[in-house]
Amino acid sequence: MRRATVLAVVLATVAVSAVSAREPRVRRKPAAPAEVHGVLQAESAGLVSVKYVPNDSRSAQIVVTNRSDRPLTIRLPDQFAGVPVLAQMGGGGGGQAGFGAGGIGAAPQTTGGAGPQNGGMNIGGQQGGGMFSLPPEKTRVVKVTTVCLEHGKPEPSPLRAYKLVELASFSPDPRLAELLTSVGKGEVSQKVAQAAAWHIANGLTWEQLAAEKIDHAGGDPDEPFFTPAELQAASRVVATVTKRAEAAPSTSMSGL
């Protein structure tokens, strides 16, 4: 009896295995590649809202909120400018607004930066340093390093309204785009990048930059804004980004 039971179990197992072998396997379809939205394009389409909040001329926060009912993959611009809202009609490259630089009501500085290129996501083979996933109705805050692009104007403040725009709408200079890309990659320190940015965007000579001072209150002596080593490094950086711009004249500066 026991042998008969064992034999029956074995036969049943073989039968089930045979049936399973004849059944076609259901192949799962490969997942569709993730759709990547440039943050400015997504803003124009009403998918997200974007706020640019400068801490000062050296750093800012880009606040992105998903206004859609589906998760989104967002990519920050390769290069961008943070423009004071009331100064947008003044044009790029040093256009004045308000009552003039340094005066009451003067428009603060425009700042520039790039989406961080270190870390991040890799989606569909795309480099994802400036990309991140954003669930529906959620907000992501990205901290970015920036530089001032308008020498002599008041310091940016989180109390002033700013807007994130494509760098090309402020300046079409490919050297500036290459410089900000290097900032986003962490290749250049903020201080060195600042000297290079004022040299490229505002035409300040190295002698003028060496004469920049930090004013100290209370009678303390002023100190140079840049050290000789920082200016030497900035000069080398300008030479490097100039060569890169000349080697790749078709490089896009518009961001995403």
Protein backbone atom coordinates (compact mmCIF):
# COMPACT_ATOMS: atom_id res chain seq x y z
CA MET A 1 0.00 0.00 0.00
CA ARG A 2 2.80 2.41 0.95
CA ARG A 3 4.60 1.67 -2.34
CA ALA A 4 1.43 2.32 -4.29
CA THR A 5 0.94 5.69 -2.58
CA VAL A 6 4.51 6.78 -3.30
CA LEU A 7 4.15 5.70 -6.94
CA ALA A 8 0.93 7.68 -7.28
CA VAL A 9 2.60 10.82 -5.91
CA VAL A 10 5.53 10.44 -8.31
CA LEU A 11 3.22 9.96 -11.29
CA ALA A 12 1.15 12.99 -10.30
CA THR A 13 4.28 15.13 -10.00
CA VAL A 14 5.50 14.02 -13.41
CA ALA A 15 2.12 14.79 -14.92
CA VAL A 16 2.03 18.29 -13.44
CA SER A 17 5.58 18.92 -14.63
CA ALA A 18 4.66 17.81 -18.13
CA VAL A 19 1.64 20.10 -18.23
CA SER A 20 3.70 23.00 -16.92
CA ALA A 21 6.35 22.37 -19.55
CA ARG A 22 3.70 22.60 -22.30
CA GLU A 23 2.27 25.88 -21.00
CA PRO A 24 3.81 28.91 -22.71
CA ARG A 25 5.76 31.18 -20.47
CA VAL A 26 4.41 34.68 -20.17
CA ARG A 27 7.18 37.14 -20.96
CA ARG A 28 7.04 40.44 -19.22
CA LYS A 29 7.38 43.45 -21.42
CA PRO A 30 10.46 45.52 -20.69
CA ALA A 31 9.69 48.60 -18.69
CA ALA A 32 9.32 51.72 -20.75
CA PRO A 33 12.23 54.13 -20.38
CA ALA A 34 11.59 56.85 -17.87
CA GLU A 35 10.44 60.14 -19.36
CA VAL A 36 12.76 62.95 -18.36
CA HIS A 37 11.40 66.49 -18.14
CA GLY A 38 13.62 69.53 -18.19
CA VAL A 39 12.56 71.61 -15.22
CA LEU A 40 11.92 74.76 -17.26
CA GLN A 41 9.98 72.86 -19.90
CA ALA A 42 7.95 71.12 -17.19
CA GLU A 43 7.21 74.51 -15.65
CA SER A 44 6.00 75.87 -19.00
CA ALA A 45 3.75 72.82 -19.40
CA GLY A 46 2.23 73.35 -15.96
CA LEU A 47 3.59 70.07 -14.61
CA VAL A 48 5.67 71.70 -11.89
CA SER A 49 6.14 75.00 -10.13
CA VAL A 50 9.67 76.29 -9.71
CA LYS A 51 11.09 78.78 -7.23
CA TYR A 52 14.62 80.13 -7.22
CA VAL A 53 15.63 81.32 -3.77
CA PRO A 54 19.11 82.89 -3.50
CA ASN A 55 20.80 82.68 -0.13
CA ASP A 56 23.32 85.25 -1.40
CA SER A 57 25.54 85.47 -4.47
CA ARG A 58 27.32 82.23 -3.53
CA SER A 59 24.47 79.73 -3.22
CA ALA A 60 20.79 79.26 -3.86
CA GLN A 61 17.96 76.77 -3.55
CA ILE A 62 15.84 75.54 -6.44
CA VAL A 63 12.43 74.47 -5.15
CA VAL A 64 10.44 72.21 -7.50
CA THR A 65 6.88 71.06 -6.73
CA ASN A 66 5.11 68.38 -8.76
CA ARG A 67 1.67 69.73 -9.70
CA SER A 68 0.69 66.65 -11.71
CA ASP A 69 -0.98 63.42 -10.62
CA ARG A 70 1.92 61.19 -11.71
CA PRO A 71 5.56 60.80 -10.70
CA LEU A 72 8.00 62.83 -12.75
CA THR A 73 11.71 62.63 -13.44
CA ILE A 74 13.07 66.15 -13.44
CA ARG A 75 16.37 67.37 -14.83
CA LEU A 76 17.90 70.67 -13.85
CA PRO A 77 19.47 72.92 -16.51
CA ASP A 78 23.07 72.30 -17.47
CA GLN A 79 23.55 76.03 -16.88
CA PHE A 80 21.09 78.59 -15.55
CA ALA A 81 20.68 82.16 -14.38
CA GLY A 82 18.71 83.37 -11.39
CA VAL A 83 17.18 86.69 -12.43
CA PRO A 84 15.44 89.24 -10.18
CA VAL A 85 11.80 89.26 -11.26
CA LEU A 86 11.55 93.05 -11.56
CA ALA A 87 14.76 93.17 -13.60
CA GLN A 88 13.84 90.67 -16.29
CA MET A 89 13.03 93.38 -18.82
CA GLY A 90 16.44 94.95 -18.30
CA GLY A 91 18.22 92.40 -20.51
CA GLY A 92 21.35 90.44 -19.79
CA GLY A 93 24.95 91.26 -19.26
CA GLY A 94 24.65 94.17 -16.87
CA GLY A 95 21.40 95.86 -17.91
CA GLN A 96 20.21 98.23 -15.19
CA ALA A 97 16.80 98.34 -13.59
CA GLY A 98 15.27 100.19 -10.68
CA PHE A 99 17.19 103.31 -9.63
CA GLY A 100 20.67 102.19 -10.62
CA ALA A 101 23.35 99.99 -9.11
CA GLY A 102 23.74 100.44 -5.40
CA GLY A 103 20.89 102.94 -5.12
CA ILE A 104 17.56 102.69 -3.36
CA GLY A 105 15.38 100.23 -5.22
CA ALA A 106 18.27 98.99 -7.35
CA ALA A 107 17.82 95.55 -8.84
CA PRO A 108 20.05 92.98 -7.10
CA GLN A 109 22.57 90.87 -8.92
CA THR A 110 21.72 88.15 -11.36
CA THR A 111 23.42 84.92 -10.34
CA GLY A 112 24.42 81.90 -12.36
CA GLY A 113 25.08 78.23 -11.77
CA ALA A 114 24.57 74.73 -13.10
CA GLY A 115 22.67 71.63 -12.12
CA PRO A 116 24.88 69.53 -9.82
CA GLN A 117 26.62 66.85 -11.85
CA ASN A 118 27.94 64.66 -9.04
CA GLY A 119 25.78 61.75 -7.90
CA GLY A 120 22.12 61.68 -8.87
CA MET A 121 20.29 59.22 -11.06
CA ASN A 122 21.17 57.31 -14.22
CA ILE A 123 17.99 56.89 -16.25
CA GLY A 124 17.81 55.36 -19.70
CA GLY A 125 21.53 55.78 -20.15
CA GLN A 126 21.36 59.49 -19.43
CA GLN A 127 23.79 61.02 -16.98
CA GLY A 128 21.75 61.94 -13.96
CA GLY A 129 23.75 64.35 -11.85
CA GLY A 130 21.03 66.94 -12.23
CA MET A 131 18.09 64.52 -12.29
CA PHE A 132 15.76 63.38 -9.56
CA SER A 133 12.41 61.64 -9.14
CA LEU A 134 9.49 63.68 -7.86
CA PRO A 135 6.27 61.96 -6.66
CA PRO A 136 2.90 63.61 -7.28
CA GLU A 137 2.25 66.75 -5.23
CA LYS A 138 5.66 66.51 -3.56
CA THR A 139 8.41 69.13 -3.36
CA ARG A 140 12.17 68.76 -3.81
CA VAL A 141 14.72 71.37 -2.73
CA VAL A 142 18.08 71.31 -4.52
CA LYS A 143 20.98 73.35 -3.20
CA VAL A 144 23.28 74.80 -5.86
CA THR A 145 26.53 76.76 -5.88
CA THR A 146 26.28 80.09 -7.70
CA VAL A 147 28.32 83.11 -8.71
CA CYS A 148 27.38 86.76 -9.24
CA LEU A 149 27.08 87.74 -12.90
CA GLU A 150 26.61 91.49 -12.45
CA HIS A 151 29.45 93.18 -10.60
CA GLY A 152 28.49 96.21 -8.54
CA LYS A 153 24.83 95.43 -8.00
CA PRO A 154 23.35 94.71 -4.55
CA GLU A 155 23.77 91.26 -3.01
CA PRO A 156 20.95 88.79 -3.72
CA SER A 157 18.60 88.05 -0.85
CA PRO A 158 15.89 85.44 -0.19
CA LEU A 159 13.61 88.41 0.49
CA ARG A 160 13.71 89.38 -3.21
CA ALA A 161 11.72 87.49 -5.83
CA TYR A 162 13.86 85.63 -8.36
CA LYS A 163 13.14 83.42 -11.35
CA LEU A 164 15.11 80.51 -12.79
CA VAL A 165 15.83 81.07 -16.51
CA GLU A 166 18.03 79.61 -19.21
CA LEU A 167 21.53 81.03 -19.14
CA ALA A 168 21.35 81.86 -22.86
CA SER A 169 18.52 84.33 -22.17
CA PHE A 170 20.97 86.29 -20.00
CA SER A 171 24.27 85.73 -21.79
CA PRO A 172 25.09 83.79 -24.98
CA ASP A 173 28.82 83.66 -24.13
CA PRO A 174 29.90 79.99 -24.43
CA ARG A 175 32.83 80.63 -22.06
CA LEU A 176 30.38 81.49 -19.29
CA ALA A 177 28.39 78.33 -19.98
CA GLU A 178 31.56 76.23 -19.77
CA LEU A 179 32.54 77.97 -16.53
CA LEU A 180 29.20 77.30 -14.86
CA THR A 181 29.30 73.68 -16.01
CA SER A 182 32.65 73.34 -14.25
CA VAL A 183 31.08 74.83 -11.11
CA GLY A 184 28.28 72.25 -11.25
CA LYS A 185 30.84 69.46 -11.58
CA GLY A 186 32.76 70.72 -8.58
CA GLU A 187 35.88 71.33 -10.67
CA VAL A 188 36.22 74.96 -9.56
CA SER A 189 35.83 76.53 -6.13
CA GLN A 190 33.19 79.22 -5.73
CA LYS A 191 35.72 81.97 -5.08
CA VAL A 192 37.85 81.14 -8.12
CA ALA A 193 34.72 80.81 -10.26
CA GLN A 194 33.54 84.22 -9.06
CA ALA A 195 36.71 85.93 -10.24
CA ALA A 196 36.47 84.15 -13.59
CA ALA A 197 32.78 85.04 -13.94
CA TRP A 198 33.37 88.75 -13.35
CA HIS A 199 36.23 88.66 -15.86
CA ILE A 200 34.09 86.94 -18.51
CA ALA A 201 30.63 88.43 -17.89
CA ASN A 202 31.56 91.96 -16.80
CA GLY A 203 34.96 92.51 -18.38
CA LEU A 204 36.85 93.18 -15.15
CA THR A 205 40.61 92.98 -15.62
CA TRP A 206 42.80 90.94 -13.30
CA GLU A 207 44.17 94.23 -11.93
CA GLN A 208 40.64 95.42 -11.11
CA LEU A 209 39.83 92.11 -9.46
CA ALA A 210 43.03 92.31 -7.40
CA ALA A 211 41.88 95.73 -6.16
CA GLU A 212 38.53 94.41 -4.88
CA LYS A 213 38.30 94.83 -1.11
CA ILE A 214 36.16 93.50 1.72
CA ASP A 215 35.10 96.45 3.85
CA HIS A 216 35.17 95.78 7.58
CA ALA A 217 33.18 97.88 10.01
CA GLY A 218 34.56 99.29 13.24
CA GLY A 219 37.78 100.62 11.80
CA ASP A 220 39.27 97.22 11.03
CA PRO A 221 41.49 97.29 7.92
CA ASP A 222 40.02 96.15 4.65
CA GLU A 223 41.25 92.92 3.12
CA PRO A 224 41.54 91.78 -0.50
CA PHE A 225 38.46 90.01 -1.83
CA PHE A 226 40.63 87.58 -3.79
CA THR A 227 44.01 86.16 -2.88
CA PRO A 228 46.78 86.13 -5.50
CA ALA A 229 46.49 82.33 -5.66
CA GLU A 230 42.75 82.57 -6.37
CA LEU A 231 43.30 85.06 -9.18
CA GLN A 232 46.03 82.90 -10.70
CA ALA A 233 43.69 79.91 -10.59
CA ALA A 234 40.88 81.99 -12.11
CA SER A 235 43.15 83.04 -14.97
CA ARG A 236 43.92 79.39 -15.70
CA VAL A 237 40.22 78.53 -15.52
CA VAL A 238 39.35 81.26 -18.05
CA ALA A 239 41.99 79.89 -20.41
CA THR A 240 40.60 76.37 -20.01
CA VAL A 241 36.93 77.27 -20.58
CA THR A 242 37.91 79.43 -23.57
CA LYS A 243 39.61 76.44 -25.19
CA ARG A 244 36.59 74.25 -24.45
CA ALA A 245 34.22 76.80 -25.96
CA GLU A 246 36.36 77.10 -29.09
CA ALA A 247 36.59 73.31 -29.43
CA ALA A 248 32.83 72.82 -29.11
CA PRO A 249 31.13 75.84 -30.70
CA SER A 250 27.84 73.94 -31.06
CA THR A 251 27.59 73.04 -27.37
CA SER A 252 24.08 73.85 -26.16
CA MET A 253 23.85 76.53 -23.50
CA SER A 254 20.07 76.66 -23.25
CA GLY A 255 19.65 74.07 -20.46
CA LEU A 256 16.47 71.98 -20.15
